[in-house]
Protein backbone atom coordinates (compact mmCIF):
# COMPACT_ATOMS: atom_id res chain seq x y z
CA MET A 1 -0.83 -15.20 20.79
CA PHE A 2 -1.34 -13.04 17.79
CA LYS A 3 1.84 -11.27 16.22
CA ARG A 4 1.51 -7.49 15.97
CA ASN A 5 1.74 -6.78 12.31
CA ASN A 6 2.63 -3.37 10.92
CA ILE A 7 2.16 -2.80 7.10
CA ILE A 8 3.06 0.09 5.04
CA PHE A 9 1.98 0.57 1.64
CA LEU A 10 4.46 2.74 -0.39
CA CYS A 11 4.10 4.59 -3.84
CA THR A 12 5.69 7.77 -5.09
CA GLY A 13 3.89 10.72 -3.97
CA ASN A 14 1.53 9.10 -1.33
CA SER A 15 -1.38 10.72 -3.02
CA CYS A 16 -3.12 8.01 -5.17
CA ARG A 17 -2.08 4.40 -5.00
CA SER A 18 -0.74 3.95 -1.45
CA PRO A 19 -3.67 5.91 0.17
CA MET A 20 -6.17 3.87 -1.88
CA ALA A 21 -4.08 0.66 -0.85
CA GLU A 22 -4.20 1.86 2.77
CA GLY A 23 -8.13 2.42 2.87
CA ILE A 24 -8.88 -0.91 0.89
CA ALA A 25 -6.54 -2.86 3.34
CA ARG A 26 -8.31 -1.42 6.52
CA LYS A 27 -11.60 -2.48 5.03
CA VAL A 28 -10.77 -5.71 3.84
CA PHE A 29 -8.28 -6.71 6.63
CA THR A 30 -11.21 -5.97 9.09
CA GLN A 31 -13.64 -8.31 7.07
CA TYR A 32 -10.99 -11.09 7.50
CA GLY A 33 -10.65 -10.20 11.32
CA LEU A 34 -7.05 -9.30 11.01
CA LYS A 35 -5.96 -6.51 13.30
CA TYR A 36 -3.06 -4.98 11.69
CA ASP A 37 -1.68 -1.65 11.87
CA ILE A 38 -2.02 0.01 8.27
CA SER A 39 -0.31 3.07 7.00
CA SER A 40 1.00 4.50 3.86
CA TYR A 41 3.86 6.51 2.64
CA GLY A 42 5.65 7.88 -0.44
CA THR A 43 9.26 7.92 -1.80
CA LEU A 44 8.83 11.81 -2.48
CA ASN A 45 8.41 14.48 0.10
CA ILE A 46 5.53 16.42 -1.64
CA GLY A 47 4.04 18.06 1.71
CA ALA A 48 1.04 17.05 3.65
CA ASN A 49 -1.43 17.05 0.59
CA PRO A 50 -4.68 15.35 0.50
CA PRO A 51 -5.30 12.43 -1.84
CA ALA A 52 -6.08 13.07 -5.39
CA GLU A 53 -9.75 13.95 -5.91
CA TYR A 54 -10.48 10.59 -8.12
CA ALA A 55 -8.78 8.59 -5.36
CA ILE A 56 -11.08 10.12 -2.82
CA GLU A 57 -14.03 9.48 -4.88
CA LEU A 58 -13.33 5.95 -5.73
CA CYS A 59 -12.95 4.99 -2.34
CA ASN A 60 -16.04 6.84 -1.09
CA ALA A 61 -17.98 4.72 -3.68
CA GLU A 62 -16.65 1.59 -1.77
CA ASN A 63 -17.45 3.21 1.80
CA ILE A 64 -13.76 3.87 2.31
CA ASP A 65 -12.97 7.26 3.73
CA ILE A 66 -9.49 8.63 3.02
CA THR A 67 -10.25 12.22 3.24
CA HIS A 68 -8.16 12.78 6.30
CA HIS A 69 -5.17 11.08 4.80
CA ARG A 70 -2.26 13.54 4.21
CA SER A 71 0.87 12.63 2.03
CA GLN A 72 4.03 11.91 3.76
CA GLN A 73 7.57 10.42 3.00
CA LEU A 74 8.71 7.11 4.27
CA SER A 75 11.14 7.80 7.27
CA LEU A 76 13.73 5.44 8.68
CA PRO A 77 11.89 5.15 11.89
CA ALA A 78 8.53 4.26 10.18
CA ALA A 79 10.36 1.77 7.96
CA GLU A 80 12.09 0.10 10.94
CA ASN A 81 8.85 -0.18 12.59
CA ALA A 82 7.12 -1.86 9.84
CA ASP A 83 6.91 -5.86 9.66
CA LEU A 84 5.94 -5.58 5.86
CA ILE A 85 6.35 -2.88 3.35
CA LEU A 86 4.28 -3.37 0.01
CA VAL A 87 5.38 -1.16 -2.95
CA MET A 88 3.68 -0.51 -6.28
CA GLU A 89 6.95 -0.30 -8.56
CA HIS A 90 10.32 -1.76 -8.77
CA ALA A 91 11.72 1.74 -8.35
CA HIS A 92 10.26 1.70 -5.04
CA LEU A 93 12.11 -1.25 -3.92
CA ASN A 94 15.55 0.21 -5.15
CA TRP A 95 14.63 3.45 -3.32
CA ILE A 96 14.12 1.58 0.05
CA GLU A 97 17.53 -0.23 -0.30
CA GLN A 98 19.37 2.82 -1.51
CA ASN A 99 17.99 4.99 1.42
CA PHE A 100 17.54 2.47 4.30
CA GLY A 101 19.89 -0.38 3.33
CA ARG A 102 19.21 -4.16 3.11
CA ASP A 103 17.70 -4.94 6.55
CA ILE A 104 14.74 -2.77 5.66
CA SER A 105 14.66 -3.92 2.08
CA ALA A 106 14.49 -7.46 3.17
CA LYS A 107 10.88 -6.79 4.41
CA ALA A 108 9.81 -4.71 1.23
CA PHE A 109 8.05 -6.68 -1.67
CA LEU A 110 6.00 -5.66 -4.85
CA ILE A 111 2.25 -5.83 -3.63
CA THR A 112 1.70 -8.07 -6.66
CA GLU A 113 4.20 -10.63 -5.42
CA TYR A 114 3.78 -10.75 -1.67
CA GLY A 115 2.20 -14.27 -0.88
CA ASN A 116 1.83 -14.81 -4.37
CA PRO A 117 2.55 -18.27 -5.44
CA HIS A 118 2.99 -17.30 -9.10
CA PRO A 119 4.64 -13.76 -9.13
CA ILE A 120 5.46 -12.04 -12.34
CA GLY A 121 6.90 -8.88 -11.17
CA GLU A 122 3.79 -6.78 -12.26
CA GLU A 123 3.93 -3.46 -11.15
CA ILE A 124 0.88 -1.04 -10.32
CA PRO A 125 1.13 1.95 -12.59
CA ASP A 126 0.76 5.60 -11.34
CA PRO A 127 -2.63 7.25 -12.17
CA ILE A 128 -1.61 10.76 -11.42
CA GLY A 129 -2.85 13.17 -13.85
CA LYS A 130 -4.90 10.37 -15.81
CA SER A 131 -8.62 9.87 -16.09
CA ILE A 132 -11.02 8.61 -13.42
CA ASN A 133 -11.04 5.30 -15.68
CA MET A 134 -7.36 4.90 -15.13
CA TYR A 135 -7.69 5.52 -11.18
CA ARG A 136 -10.74 2.89 -11.48
CA GLU A 137 -8.24 0.47 -13.06
CA ILE A 138 -5.66 0.98 -10.52
CA PHE A 139 -8.43 0.84 -7.58
CA ASN A 140 -9.58 -2.59 -8.77
CA MET A 141 -6.01 -3.77 -9.18
CA LEU A 142 -5.21 -2.79 -5.62
CA LYS A 143 -8.41 -4.41 -4.30
CA ILE A 144 -7.60 -7.76 -6.05
CA GLU A 145 -4.25 -7.91 -4.75
CA ILE A 146 -5.14 -6.89 -1.28
CA GLU A 147 -7.96 -9.27 -1.00
CA ARG A 148 -5.30 -12.07 -2.03
CA ILE A 149 -2.86 -10.87 0.47
CA ALA A 150 -5.53 -10.85 3.34
CA ARG A 151 -6.53 -14.45 2.39
CA TYR A 152 -2.80 -15.25 2.58
CA GLU A 153 -2.32 -13.47 6.01
CA PHE A 154 -5.58 -15.21 7.27
CA THR A 155 -4.16 -18.55 6.54
CA ARG A 156 -0.69 -17.75 7.62
CA ASN A 157 -1.95 -16.72 11.11
CA ASP A 158 -4.71 -19.53 11.39
């Protein structure tokens, strides 16, 4: 029987990295036939704002629609319901442990480390306020990581 999986992507404001990661993951996981619940949140409560313009533009170029996304802060119920929380920075791991405790932080990983046989602790930098080229670089980093994670999950669930 297929286990229900609930994956959360977490960044700071939930306006750039995590919405892009959510959109990429929805597309890539579907291509692998992985039926996961995927969502994204931030560590900050910045209100229900749409994603950054460049994030929307780059996703649209890959036939990924994130225009309906609105930023939201990670809540304890959402964190408890998650099977896996993938974060962009070490600071996000610390925030989870400080706000939700060790049980929740035990299912949180840097996106670059989860399922990676050679993790080096690389963070995904925040592109907020930067050029579209920086957003493109971050989008490509996220796509590479999510494709790697999809392959890992596919073989793990096979």
